[in-house]
Amino acid sequence: MAKGSQDSKGSKVWTIFSLVSALGAATVARKGLDKGWQVATRRKPPENPADPDVALWEAVAWSAATGAAVALARMFAQRRAANYYVKSAGHLPPQLEKDDQQ
């Protein structure tokens, strides 16, 4: 099998693996954040922070917390997935090959 087709297969595997891990992490983070919000505020989190009936402080706090928690969870999940990929394949996925950063 030619190297190009192996890279293509590895690329597809990584894309799927990365996507599944990121979606799973985002779902877990969101559920945890929902519970944490309910414990901290004794209220359900806003379903739509853009709704004018939601207090501005609550909309801003919920949006910031959700954005940060989901982004961090996805980043950590994708880093773990990349480590697993390296252990399995022996190299980084093509999308994550090291650049010139030191």
PDB file of N, CA and C in Angstrom:
ATOM      1  N   MET A   1       0.849  -1.185   0.000  1.00  0.00           N
ATOM      2  CA  MET A   1       0.000   0.000   0.000  1.00  0.00           C
ATOM      3  C   MET A   1       0.882   1.231   0.000  1.00  0.00           C
ATOM      4  N   ALA A   2       0.551   2.199  -0.789  1.00  0.00           N
ATOM      5  CA  ALA A   2       1.343   3.420  -0.911  1.00  0.00           C
ATOM      6  C   ALA A   2       1.197   4.293   0.327  1.00  0.00           C
ATOM      7  N   LYS A   3       2.247   5.050   0.607  1.00  0.00           N
ATOM      8  CA  LYS A   3       2.238   5.913   1.790  1.00  0.00           C
ATOM      9  C   LYS A   3       1.100   6.925   1.745  1.00  0.00           C
ATOM     10  N   GLY A   4       0.781   7.464   0.580  1.00  0.00           N
ATOM     11  CA  GLY A   4      -0.289   8.447   0.450  1.00  0.00           C
ATOM     12  C   GLY A   4      -1.630   7.897   0.894  1.00  0.00           C
ATOM     13  N   SER A   5      -1.929   6.655   0.548  1.00  0.00           N
ATOM     14  CA  SER A   5      -3.207   6.084   0.950  1.00  0.00           C
ATOM     15  C   SER A   5      -3.225   5.765   2.435  1.00  0.00           C
ATOM     16  N   GLN A   6      -2.043   5.435   3.020  1.00  0.00           N
ATOM     17  CA  GLN A   6      -1.978   5.212   4.461  1.00  0.00           C
ATOM     18  C   GLN A   6      -2.221   6.518   5.209  1.00  0.00           C
ATOM     19  N   ASP A   7      -1.635   7.614   4.714  1.00  0.00           N
ATOM     20  CA  ASP A   7      -1.852   8.913   5.337  1.00  0.00           C
ATOM     21  C   ASP A   7      -3.317   9.320   5.244  1.00  0.00           C
ATOM     22  N   SER A   8      -3.929   9.012   4.102  1.00  0.00           N
ATOM     23  CA  SER A   8      -5.338   9.346   3.915  1.00  0.00           C
ATOM     24  C   SER A   8      -6.210   8.567   4.889  1.00  0.00           C
ATOM     25  N   LYS A   9      -5.904   7.273   5.055  1.00  0.00           N
ATOM     26  CA  LYS A   9      -6.667   6.441   5.992  1.00  0.00           C
ATOM     27  C   LYS A   9      -6.464   6.934   7.427  1.00  0.00           C
ATOM     28  N   GLY A  10      -5.201   7.225   7.785  1.00  0.00           N
ATOM     29  CA  GLY A  10      -4.909   7.742   9.116  1.00  0.00           C
ATOM     30  C   GLY A  10      -5.585   9.075   9.357  1.00  0.00           C
ATOM     31  N   SER A  11      -5.640   9.896   8.326  1.00  0.00           N
ATOM     32  CA  SER A  11      -6.288  11.192   8.430  1.00  0.00           C
ATOM     33  C   SER A  11      -7.779  11.038   8.701  1.00  0.00           C
ATOM     34  N   LYS A  12      -8.410  10.110   8.014  1.00  0.00           N
ATOM     35  CA  LYS A  12      -9.847   9.878   8.218  1.00  0.00           C
ATOM     36  C   LYS A  12     -10.112   9.314   9.602  1.00  0.00           C
ATOM     37  N   VAL A  13      -9.267   8.375  10.036  1.00  0.00           N
ATOM     38  CA  VAL A  13      -9.411   7.808  11.380  1.00  0.00           C
ATOM     39  C   VAL A  13      -9.264   8.908  12.417  1.00  0.00           C
ATOM     40  N   TRP A  14      -8.233   9.754  12.260  1.00  0.00           N
ATOM     41  CA  TRP A  14      -8.026  10.830  13.216  1.00  0.00           C
ATOM     42  C   TRP A  14      -9.195  11.800  13.224  1.00  0.00           C
ATOM     43  N   THR A  15      -9.713  12.144  12.055  1.00  0.00           N
ATOM     44  CA  THR A  15     -10.826  13.081  11.972  1.00  0.00           C
ATOM     45  C   THR A  15     -12.032  12.556  12.740  1.00  0.00           C
ATOM     46  N   ILE A  16     -12.353  11.299  12.543  1.00  0.00           N
ATOM     47  CA  ILE A  16     -13.488  10.699  13.245  1.00  0.00           C
ATOM     48  C   ILE A  16     -13.201  10.596  14.738  1.00  0.00           C
ATOM     49  N   PHE A  17     -12.017  10.122  15.090  1.00  0.00           N
ATOM     50  CA  PHE A  17     -11.630   9.959  16.485  1.00  0.00           C
ATOM     51  C   PHE A  17     -11.657  11.298  17.221  1.00  0.00           C
ATOM     52  N   SER A  18     -11.119  12.324  16.587  1.00  0.00           N
ATOM     53  CA  SER A  18     -11.085  13.656  17.168  1.00  0.00           C
ATOM     54  C   SER A  18     -12.493  14.222  17.351  1.00  0.00           C
ATOM     55  N   LEU A  19     -13.328  14.036  16.339  1.00  0.00           N
ATOM     56  CA  LEU A  19     -14.693  14.549  16.402  1.00  0.00           C
ATOM     57  C   LEU A  19     -15.498  13.876  17.510  1.00  0.00           C
ATOM     58  N   VAL A  20     -15.413  12.562  17.584  1.00  0.00           N
ATOM     59  CA  VAL A  20     -16.159  11.823  18.614  1.00  0.00           C
ATOM     60  C   VAL A  20     -15.692  12.219  20.013  1.00  0.00           C
ATOM     61  N   SER A  21     -14.379  12.330  20.203  1.00  0.00           N
ATOM     62  CA  SER A  21     -13.884  12.698  21.533  1.00  0.00           C
ATOM     63  C   SER A  21     -14.308  14.117  21.904  1.00  0.00           C
ATOM     64  N   ALA A  22     -14.279  15.031  20.946  1.00  0.00           N
ATOM     65  CA  ALA A  22     -14.671  16.419  21.217  1.00  0.00           C
ATOM     66  C   ALA A  22     -16.155  16.525  21.535  1.00  0.00           C
ATOM     67  N   LEU A  23     -16.987  15.820  20.775  1.00  0.00           N
ATOM     68  CA  LEU A  23     -18.429  15.865  21.047  1.00  0.00           C
ATOM     69  C   LEU A  23     -18.764  15.234  22.388  1.00  0.00           C
ATOM     70  N   GLY A  24     -18.115  14.137  22.706  1.00  0.00           N
ATOM     71  CA  GLY A  24     -18.341  13.496  24.001  1.00  0.00           C
ATOM     72  C   GLY A  24     -17.942  14.402  25.154  1.00  0.00           C
ATOM     73  N   ALA A  25     -16.783  15.019  25.019  1.00  0.00           N
ATOM     74  CA  ALA A  25     -16.305  15.916  26.077  1.00  0.00           C
ATOM     75  C   ALA A  25     -17.223  17.120  26.232  1.00  0.00           C
ATOM     76  N   ALA A  26     -17.689  17.678  25.118  1.00  0.00           N
ATOM     77  CA  ALA A  26     -18.589  18.829  25.187  1.00  0.00           C
ATOM     78  C   ALA A  26     -19.897  18.456  25.868  1.00  0.00           C
ATOM     79  N   THR A  27     -20.405  17.268  25.581  1.00  0.00           N
ATOM     80  CA  THR A  27     -21.654  16.813  26.204  1.00  0.00           C
ATOM     81  C   THR A  27     -21.478  16.641  27.708  1.00  0.00           C
ATOM     82  N   VAL A  28     -20.388  16.001  28.110  1.00  0.00           N
ATOM     83  CA  VAL A  28     -20.128  15.799  29.538  1.00  0.00           C
ATOM     84  C   VAL A  28     -19.927  17.140  30.237  1.00  0.00           C
ATOM     85  N   ALA A  29     -19.183  18.040  29.615  1.00  0.00           N
ATOM     86  CA  ALA A  29     -18.950  19.356  30.215  1.00  0.00           C
ATOM     87  C   ALA A  29     -20.263  20.110  30.378  1.00  0.00           C
ATOM     88  N   ARG A  30     -21.093  20.066  29.377  1.00  0.00           N
ATOM     89  CA  ARG A  30     -22.370  20.785  29.439  1.00  0.00           C
ATOM     90  C   ARG A  30     -23.263  20.234  30.539  1.00  0.00           C
ATOM     91  N   LYS A  31     -23.322  18.907  30.662  1.00  0.00           N
ATOM     92  CA  LYS A  31     -24.142  18.308  31.728  1.00  0.00           C
ATOM     93  C   LYS A  31     -23.606  18.679  33.105  1.00  0.00           C
ATOM     94  N   GLY A  32     -22.292  18.643  33.256  1.00  0.00           N
ATOM     95  CA  GLY A  32     -21.693  19.040  34.527  1.00  0.00           C
ATOM     96  C   GLY A  32     -21.934  20.501  34.841  1.00  0.00           C
ATOM     97  N   LEU A  33     -21.850  21.328  33.827  1.00  0.00           N
ATOM     98  CA  LEU A  33     -22.086  22.757  34.001  1.00  0.00           C
ATOM     99  C   LEU A  33     -23.546  23.029  34.375  1.00  0.00           C
ATOM    100  N   ASP A  34     -24.466  22.317  33.747  1.00  0.00           N
ATOM    101  CA  ASP A  34     -25.889  22.461  34.092  1.00  0.00           C
ATOM    102  C   ASP A  34     -26.119  22.156  35.572  1.00  0.00           C
ATOM    103  N   LYS A  35     -25.541  21.047  36.038  1.00  0.00           N
ATOM    104  CA  LYS A  35     -25.700  20.662  37.454  1.00  0.00           C
ATOM    105  C   LYS A  35     -25.049  21.695  38.366  1.00  0.00           C
ATOM    106  N   GLY A  36     -23.845  22.115  38.010  1.00  0.00           N
ATOM    107  CA  GLY A  36     -23.145  23.112  38.822  1.00  0.00           C
ATOM    108  C   GLY A  36     -23.910  24.421  38.907  1.00  0.00           C
ATOM    109  N   TRP A  37     -24.503  24.830  37.792  1.00  0.00           N
ATOM    110  CA  TRP A  37     -25.294  26.069  37.765  1.00  0.00           C
ATOM    111  C   TRP A  37     -26.500  25.939  38.695  1.00  0.00           C
ATOM    112  N   GLN A  38     -27.160  24.799  38.633  1.00  0.00           N
ATOM    113  CA  GLN A  38     -28.344  24.590  39.477  1.00  0.00           C
ATOM    114  C   GLN A  38     -27.971  24.594  40.953  1.00  0.00           C
ATOM    115  N   VAL A  39     -26.845  23.998  41.307  1.00  0.00           N
ATOM    116  CA  VAL A  39     -26.411  23.979  42.699  1.00  0.00           C
ATOM    117  C   VAL A  39     -26.033  25.393  43.156  1.00  0.00           C
ATOM    118  N   ALA A  40     -25.308  26.115  42.315  1.00  0.00           N
ATOM    119  CA  ALA A  40     -24.818  27.445  42.696  1.00  0.00           C
ATOM    120  C   ALA A  40     -25.922  28.493  42.749  1.00  0.00           C
ATOM    121  N   THR A  41     -26.868  28.430  41.815  1.00  0.00           N
ATOM    122  CA  THR A  41     -27.880  29.496  41.732  1.00  0.00           C
ATOM    123  C   THR A  41     -29.260  29.061  42.198  1.00  0.00           C
ATOM    124  N   ARG A  42     -29.451  27.766  42.403  1.00  0.00           N
ATOM    125  CA  ARG A  42     -30.753  27.190  42.752  1.00  0.00           C
ATOM    126  C   ARG A  42     -31.796  27.490  41.666  1.00  0.00           C
ATOM    127  N   ARG A  43     -31.306  27.623  40.422  1.00  0.00           N
ATOM    128  CA  ARG A  43     -32.174  27.871  39.269  1.00  0.00           C
ATOM    129  C   ARG A  43     -31.669  27.033  38.109  1.00  0.00           C
ATOM    130  N   LYS A  44     -32.575  26.784  37.175  1.00  0.00           N
ATOM    131  CA  LYS A  44     -32.153  26.108  35.954  1.00  0.00           C
ATOM    132  C   LYS A  44     -31.337  27.088  35.123  1.00  0.00           C
ATOM    133  N   PRO A  45     -30.354  26.564  34.378  1.00  0.00           N
ATOM    134  CA  PRO A  45     -29.602  27.475  33.508  1.00  0.00           C
ATOM    135  C   PRO A  45     -30.499  28.011  32.397  1.00  0.00           C
ATOM    136  N   PRO A  46     -30.216  29.192  31.898  1.00  0.00           N
ATOM    137  CA  PRO A  46     -31.054  29.754  30.833  1.00  0.00           C
ATOM    138  C   PRO A  46     -30.981  28.885  29.576  1.00  0.00           C
ATOM    139  N   GLU A  47     -32.142  28.606  28.993  1.00  0.00           N
ATOM    140  CA  GLU A  47     -32.172  27.810  27.763  1.00  0.00           C
ATOM    141  C   GLU A  47     -31.663  28.612  26.582  1.00  0.00           C
ATOM    142  N   ASN A  48     -31.968  29.909  26.578  1.00  0.00           N
ATOM    143  CA  ASN A  48     -31.514  30.768  25.499  1.00  0.00           C
ATOM    144  C   ASN A  48     -31.059  32.102  26.109  1.00  0.00           C
ATOM    145  N   PRO A  49     -29.751  32.279  26.289  1.00  0.00           N
ATOM    146  CA  PRO A  49     -29.266  33.516  26.904  1.00  0.00           C
ATOM    147  C   PRO A  49     -29.614  34.772  26.108  1.00  0.00           C
ATOM    148  N   ALA A  50     -29.953  34.644  24.844  1.00  0.00           N
ATOM    149  CA  ALA A  50     -30.310  35.813  24.032  1.00  0.00           C
ATOM    150  C   ALA A  50     -31.738  36.288  24.298  1.00  0.00           C
ATOM    151  N   ASP A  51     -32.518  35.491  25.006  1.00  0.00           N
ATOM    152  CA  ASP A  51     -33.901  35.852  25.329  1.00  0.00           C
ATOM    153  C   ASP A  51     -33.904  37.097  26.224  1.00  0.00           C
ATOM    154  N   PRO A  52     -34.620  38.149  25.840  1.00  0.00           N
ATOM    155  CA  PRO A  52     -34.653  39.373  26.655  1.00  0.00           C
ATOM    156  C   PRO A  52     -35.229  39.160  28.062  1.00  0.00           C
ATOM    157  N   ASP A  53     -35.961  38.081  28.284  1.00  0.00           N
ATOM    158  CA  ASP A  53     -36.501  37.804  29.610  1.00  0.00           C
ATOM    159  C   ASP A  53     -35.449  37.268  30.577  1.00  0.00           C
ATOM    160  N   VAL A  54     -34.297  36.848  30.059  1.00  0.00           N
ATOM    161  CA  VAL A  54     -33.202  36.367  30.906  1.00  0.00           C
ATOM    162  C   VAL A  54     -32.403  37.589  31.356  1.00  0.00           C
ATOM    163  N   ALA A  55     -32.143  37.669  32.660  1.00  0.00           N
ATOM    164  CA  ALA A  55     -31.367  38.795  33.190  1.00  0.00           C
ATOM    165  C   ALA A  55     -30.006  38.853  32.500  1.00  0.00           C
ATOM    166  N   LEU A  56     -29.541  40.070  32.238  1.00  0.00           N
ATOM    167  CA  LEU A  56     -28.281  40.247  31.521  1.00  0.00           C
ATOM    168  C   LEU A  56     -27.118  39.576  32.240  1.00  0.00           C
ATOM    169  N   TRP A  57     -27.035  39.732  33.558  1.00  0.00           N
ATOM    170  CA  TRP A  57     -25.932  39.121  34.307  1.00  0.00           C
ATOM    171  C   TRP A  57     -25.951  37.613  34.133  1.00  0.00           C
ATOM    172  N   GLU A  58     -27.158  37.043  34.139  1.00  0.00           N
ATOM    173  CA  GLU A  58     -27.284  35.593  34.026  1.00  0.00           C
ATOM    174  C   GLU A  58     -26.900  35.123  32.622  1.00  0.00           C
ATOM    175  N   ALA A  59     -27.320  35.869  31.611  1.00  0.00           N
ATOM    176  CA  ALA A  59     -26.997  35.520  30.225  1.00  0.00           C
ATOM    177  C   ALA A  59     -25.487  35.590  29.994  1.00  0.00           C
ATOM    178  N   VAL A  60     -24.852  36.637  30.501  1.00  0.00           N
ATOM    179  CA  VAL A  60     -23.408  36.792  30.321  1.00  0.00           C
ATOM    180  C   VAL A  60     -22.650  35.712  31.082  1.00  0.00           C
ATOM    181  N   ALA A  61     -23.026  35.483  32.330  1.00  0.00           N
ATOM    182  CA  ALA A  61     -22.341  34.470  33.140  1.00  0.00           C
ATOM    183  C   ALA A  61     -22.500  33.077  32.527  1.00  0.00           C
ATOM    184  N   TRP A  62     -23.707  32.739  32.092  1.00  0.00           N
ATOM    185  CA  TRP A  62     -23.950  31.424  31.517  1.00  0.00           C
ATOM    186  C   TRP A  62     -23.179  31.250  30.210  1.00  0.00           C
ATOM    187  N   SER A  63     -23.191  32.262  29.370  1.00  0.00           N
ATOM    188  CA  SER A  63     -22.477  32.182  28.089  1.00  0.00           C
ATOM    189  C   SER A  63     -20.977  32.031  28.298  1.00  0.00           C
ATOM    190  N   ALA A  64     -20.423  32.808  29.210  1.00  0.00           N
ATOM    191  CA  ALA A  64     -18.981  32.734  29.472  1.00  0.00           C
ATOM    192  C   ALA A  64     -18.604  31.378  30.071  1.00  0.00           C
ATOM    193  N   ALA A  65     -19.372  30.923  31.030  1.00  0.00           N
ATOM    194  CA  ALA A  65     -19.079  29.635  31.667  1.00  0.00           C
ATOM    195  C   ALA A  65     -19.208  28.488  30.671  1.00  0.00           C
ATOM    196  N   THR A  66     -20.262  28.505  29.875  1.00  0.00           N
ATOM    197  CA  THR A  66     -20.478  27.444  28.899  1.00  0.00           C
ATOM    198  C   THR A  66     -19.373  27.436  27.848  1.00  0.00           C
ATOM    199  N   GLY A  67     -19.060  28.594  27.307  1.00  0.00           N
ATOM    200  CA  GLY A  67     -18.021  28.676  26.286  1.00  0.00           C
ATOM    201  C   GLY A  67     -16.678  28.180  26.794  1.00  0.00           C
ATOM    202  N   ALA A  68     -16.290  28.635  27.969  1.00  0.00           N
ATOM    203  CA  ALA A  68     -14.993  28.241  28.535  1.00  0.00           C
ATOM    204  C   ALA A  68     -14.963  26.751  28.865  1.00  0.00           C
ATOM    205  N   ALA A  69     -16.005  26.251  29.523  1.00  0.00           N
ATOM    206  CA  ALA A  69     -16.027  24.842  29.933  1.00  0.00           C
ATOM    207  C   ALA A  69     -16.018  23.904  28.728  1.00  0.00           C
ATOM    208  N   VAL A  70     -16.826  24.198  27.740  1.00  0.00           N
ATOM    209  CA  VAL A  70     -16.894  23.337  26.557  1.00  0.00           C
ATOM    210  C   VAL A  70     -15.591  23.391  25.772  1.00  0.00           C
ATOM    211  N   ALA A  71     -15.025  24.574  25.593  1.00  0.00           N
ATOM    212  CA  ALA A  71     -13.769  24.700  24.848  1.00  0.00           C
ATOM    213  C   ALA A  71     -12.634  23.953  25.554  1.00  0.00           C
ATOM    214  N   LEU A  72     -12.543  24.092  26.863  1.00  0.00           N
ATOM    215  CA  LEU A  72     -11.496  23.392  27.602  1.00  0.00           C
ATOM    216  C   LEU A  72     -11.693  21.878  27.562  1.00  0.00           C
ATOM    217  N   ALA A  73     -12.918  21.428  27.725  1.00  0.00           N
ATOM    218  CA  ALA A  73     -13.190  19.986  27.686  1.00  0.00           C
ATOM    219  C   ALA A  73     -12.827  19.409  26.324  1.00  0.00           C
ATOM    220  N   ARG A  74     -13.197  20.105  25.259  1.00  0.00           N
ATOM    221  CA  ARG A  74     -12.870  19.632  23.915  1.00  0.00           C
ATOM    222  C   ARG A  74     -11.361  19.597  23.692  1.00  0.00           C
ATOM    223  N   MET A  75     -10.661  20.634  24.146  1.00  0.00           N
ATOM    224  CA  MET A  75      -9.215  20.686  23.970  1.00  0.00           C
ATOM    225  C   MET A  75      -8.533  19.534  24.707  1.00  0.00           C
ATOM    226  N   PHE A  76      -8.912  19.302  25.967  1.00  0.00           N
ATOM    227  CA  PHE A  76      -8.312  18.205  26.725  1.00  0.00           C
ATOM    228  C   PHE A  76      -8.636  16.850  26.101  1.00  0.00           C
ATOM    229  N   ALA A  77      -9.861  16.672  25.641  1.00  0.00           N
ATOM    230  CA  ALA A  77     -10.248  15.406  25.010  1.00  0.00           C
ATOM    231  C   ALA A  77      -9.457  15.174  23.726  1.00  0.00           C
ATOM    232  N   GLN A  78      -9.285  16.211  22.933  1.00  0.00           N
ATOM    233  CA  GLN A  78      -8.547  16.054  21.685  1.00  0.00           C
ATOM    234  C   GLN A  78      -7.059  15.815  21.942  1.00  0.00           C
ATOM    235  N   ARG A  79      -6.524  16.389  22.990  1.00  0.00           N
ATOM    236  CA  ARG A  79      -5.122  16.118  23.338  1.00  0.00           C
ATOM    237  C   ARG A  79      -4.951  14.665  23.774  1.00  0.00           C
ATOM    238  N   ARG A  80      -5.891  14.165  24.557  1.00  0.00           N
ATOM    239  CA  ARG A  80      -5.826  12.752  24.964  1.00  0.00           C
ATOM    240  C   ARG A  80      -5.982  11.845  23.757  1.00  0.00           C
ATOM    241  N   ALA A  81      -6.885  12.207  22.856  1.00  0.00           N
ATOM    242  CA  ALA A  81      -7.074  11.422  21.638  1.00  0.00           C
ATOM    243  C   ALA A  81      -5.795  11.424  20.805  1.00  0.00           C
ATOM    244  N   ALA A  82      -5.119  12.556  20.728  1.00  0.00           N
ATOM    245  CA  ALA A  82      -3.868  12.635  19.969  1.00  0.00           C
ATOM    246  C   ALA A  82      -2.796  11.759  20.606  1.00  0.00           C
ATOM    247  N   ASN A  83      -2.715  11.765  21.934  1.00  0.00           N
ATOM    248  CA  ASN A  83      -1.750  10.893  22.616  1.00  0.00           C
ATOM    249  C   ASN A  83      -2.043   9.423  22.330  1.00  0.00           C
ATOM    250  N   TYR A  84      -3.318   9.053  22.364  1.00  0.00           N
ATOM    251  CA  TYR A  84      -3.702   7.673  22.064  1.00  0.00           C
ATOM    252  C   TYR A  84      -3.349   7.329  20.615  1.00  0.00           C
ATOM    253  N   TYR A  85      -3.606   8.253  19.708  1.00  0.00           N
ATOM    254  CA  TYR A  85      -3.287   8.036  18.293  1.00  0.00           C
ATOM    255  C   TYR A  85      -1.786   7.815  18.116  1.00  0.00           C
ATOM    256  N   VAL A  86      -0.979   8.618  18.790  1.00  0.00           N
ATOM    257  CA  VAL A  86       0.475   8.484  18.685  1.00  0.00           C
ATOM    258  C   VAL A  86       0.909   7.115  19.213  1.00  0.00           C
ATOM    259  N   LYS A  87       0.346   6.682  20.328  1.00  0.00           N
ATOM    260  CA  LYS A  87       0.700   5.369  20.877  1.00  0.00           C
ATOM    261  C   LYS A  87       0.285   4.249  19.935  1.00  0.00           C
ATOM    262  N   SER A  88      -0.828   4.421  19.257  1.00  0.00           N
ATOM    263  CA  SER A  88      -1.334   3.387  18.348  1.00  0.00           C
ATOM    264  C   SER A  88      -0.617   3.382  17.010  1.00  0.00           C
ATOM    265  N   ALA A  89      -0.413   4.555  16.435  1.00  0.00           N
ATOM    266  CA  ALA A  89       0.128   4.651  15.075  1.00  0.00           C
ATOM    267  C   ALA A  89       1.632   4.928  15.051  1.00  0.00           C
ATOM    268  N   GLY A  90       2.165   5.430  16.149  1.00  0.00           N
ATOM    269  CA  GLY A  90       3.584   5.722  16.194  1.00  0.00           C
ATOM    270  C   GLY A  90       3.959   7.103  15.685  1.00  0.00           C
ATOM    271  N   HIS A  91       2.977   7.906  15.316  1.00  0.00           N
ATOM    272  CA  HIS A  91       3.236   9.260  14.829  1.00  0.00           C
ATOM    273  C   HIS A  91       1.991  10.104  15.044  1.00  0.00           C
ATOM    274  N   LEU A  92       2.190  11.414  14.980  1.00  0.00           N
ATOM    275  CA  LEU A  92       1.050  12.323  15.097  1.00  0.00           C
ATOM    276  C   LEU A  92       0.151  12.192  13.869  1.00  0.00           C
ATOM    277  N   PRO A  93      -1.130  12.479  14.018  1.00  0.00           N
ATOM    278  CA  PRO A  93      -1.990  12.529  12.838  1.00  0.00           C
ATOM    279  C   PRO A  93      -1.508  13.647  11.918  1.00  0.00           C
ATOM    280  N   PRO A  94      -1.748  13.507  10.613  1.00  0.00           N
ATOM    281  CA  PRO A  94      -1.260  14.519   9.666  1.00  0.00           C
ATOM    282  C   PRO A  94      -1.688  15.953  10.024  1.00  0.00           C
ATOM    283  N   GLN A  95      -2.894  16.110  10.572  1.00  0.00           N
ATOM    284  CA  GLN A  95      -3.381  17.453  10.904  1.00  0.00           C
ATOM    285  C   GLN A  95      -2.625  18.070  12.085  1.00  0.00           C
ATOM    286  N   LEU A  96      -1.932  17.255  12.866  1.00  0.00           N
ATOM    287  CA  LEU A  96      -1.257  17.763  14.057  1.00  0.00           C
ATOM    288  C   LEU A  96       0.259  17.665  13.977  1.00  0.00           C
ATOM    289  N   GLU A  97       0.796  17.351  12.820  1.00  0.00           N
ATOM    290  CA  GLU A  97       2.233  17.243  12.719  1.00  0.00           C
ATOM    291  C   GLU A  97       2.871  18.543  13.176  1.00  0.00           C
ATOM    292  N   LYS A  98       3.980  18.395  13.866  1.00  0.00           N
ATOM    293  CA  LYS A  98       4.628  19.555  14.493  1.00  0.00           C
ATOM    294  C   LYS A  98       4.997  20.602  13.447  1.00  0.00           C
ATOM    295  N   ASP A  99       4.783  21.843  13.857  1.00  0.00           N
ATOM    296  CA  ASP A  99       5.206  22.949  13.006  1.00  0.00           C
ATOM    297  C   ASP A  99       6.547  23.468  13.526  1.00  0.00           C
ATOM    298  N   ASP A 100       6.901  24.672  13.203  1.00  0.00           N
ATOM    299  CA  ASP A 100       8.197  25.205  13.569  1.00  0.00           C
ATOM    300  C   ASP A 100       8.257  25.768  14.993  1.00  0.00           C
ATOM    301  N   GLN A 101       7.258  25.506  15.801  1.00  0.00           N
ATOM    302  CA  GLN A 101       7.270  26.022  17.170  1.00  0.00           C
ATOM    303  C   GLN A 101       8.276  25.237  17.985  1.00  0.00           C
ATOM    304  N   GLN A 102       8.961  25.921  18.879  1.00  0.00           N
ATOM    305  CA  GLN A 102       9.962  25.271  19.735  1.00  0.00           C
ATOM    306  C   GLN A 102       9.419  25.133  21.126  1.00  0.00           C
TER     307      GLN A 102
END
